[in-house]
Amino acid sequence: MKISARNVLKGTVLSYEIGAVNVEVVIEIAPGMEITSVITKESFNNLGLEEGKEAYAIIKGSNVMIGTD
């Protein structure tokens, strides 16, 4: 896999929730550390995602927001 994004986090699909149009996917990138992404149902099916499957969370810097209390 070759991509231009600099932040690629390897993990395991922990869970997913299928909605009407999208799927919310939770990937565990380290013990107790999770990242959540919302993707289309079509992408979910094309990637063959399922619980326990290895996957990558790919974060493009221009789309990451940081917040504090």
Protein backbone atom coordinates (compact mmCIF):
# COMPACT_ATOMS: atom_id res chain seq x y z
CA MET A 1 0.00 0.00 0.00
CA LYS A 2 1.43 3.37 -1.02
CA ILE A 3 -0.29 6.54 0.15
CA SER A 4 0.61 10.18 0.65
CA ALA A 5 -0.70 10.48 4.22
CA ARG A 6 2.00 10.62 6.91
CA ASN A 7 -0.01 9.18 9.79
CA VAL A 8 -0.76 5.49 9.34
CA LEU A 9 -1.75 3.57 12.46
CA LYS A 10 -1.95 -0.21 12.26
CA GLY A 11 -4.56 -1.88 14.42
CA THR A 12 -7.38 -4.36 14.74
CA VAL A 13 -11.09 -3.80 14.11
CA LEU A 14 -12.58 -3.83 17.60
CA SER A 15 -16.20 -3.18 16.65
CA TYR A 16 -18.47 -1.55 14.10
CA GLU A 17 -22.00 -0.17 14.00
CA ILE A 18 -23.90 -0.21 10.74
CA GLY A 19 -26.21 2.75 10.14
CA ALA A 20 -28.57 3.62 7.31
CA VAL A 21 -25.81 4.97 5.03
CA ASN A 22 -22.51 4.81 6.96
CA VAL A 23 -20.64 2.48 9.25
CA GLU A 24 -18.83 3.61 12.40
CA VAL A 25 -15.67 1.52 12.75
CA VAL A 26 -13.56 1.34 15.92
CA ILE A 27 -9.94 0.24 15.51
CA GLU A 28 -7.74 -0.61 18.50
CA ILE A 29 -4.29 0.76 17.67
CA ALA A 30 -2.69 -0.25 21.01
CA PRO A 31 -4.04 -1.89 24.16
CA GLY A 32 -6.71 0.47 25.46
CA MET A 33 -6.19 2.99 22.62
CA GLU A 34 -8.96 3.24 20.05
CA ILE A 35 -9.66 5.39 17.03
CA THR A 36 -13.09 5.70 15.41
CA SER A 37 -13.89 6.43 11.78
CA VAL A 38 -17.15 6.79 9.88
CA ILE A 39 -17.04 5.32 6.37
CA THR A 40 -19.64 4.47 3.75
CA LYS A 41 -21.31 1.08 3.72
CA GLU A 42 -19.83 0.52 0.26
CA SER A 43 -16.30 1.13 1.57
CA PHE A 44 -16.96 -1.10 4.58
CA ASN A 45 -18.05 -3.94 2.30
CA ASN A 46 -15.23 -3.40 -0.22
CA LEU A 47 -12.62 -3.54 2.55
CA GLY A 48 -14.12 -6.75 3.95
CA LEU A 49 -13.96 -5.36 7.48
CA GLU A 50 -14.96 -7.54 10.39
CA GLU A 51 -14.14 -7.72 14.09
CA GLY A 52 -10.61 -8.98 14.69
CA LYS A 53 -9.37 -8.12 11.20
CA GLU A 54 -6.17 -6.10 10.82
CA ALA A 55 -6.74 -2.62 9.40
CA TYR A 56 -5.08 0.77 9.19
CA ALA A 57 -6.31 4.13 10.44
CA ILE A 58 -4.95 6.66 7.95
CA ILE A 59 -5.04 10.28 9.07
CA LYS A 60 -4.43 13.10 6.62
CA GLY A 61 -3.07 16.07 8.54
CA SER A 62 -5.43 18.57 6.95
CA ASN A 63 -8.42 16.71 8.41
CA VAL A 64 -7.37 16.35 12.05
CA MET A 65 -8.88 18.65 14.67
CA ILE A 66 -7.58 19.09 18.23
CA GLY A 67 -9.63 20.36 21.16
CA THR A 68 -9.28 21.03 24.88
CA ASP A 69 -11.61 21.79 27.78
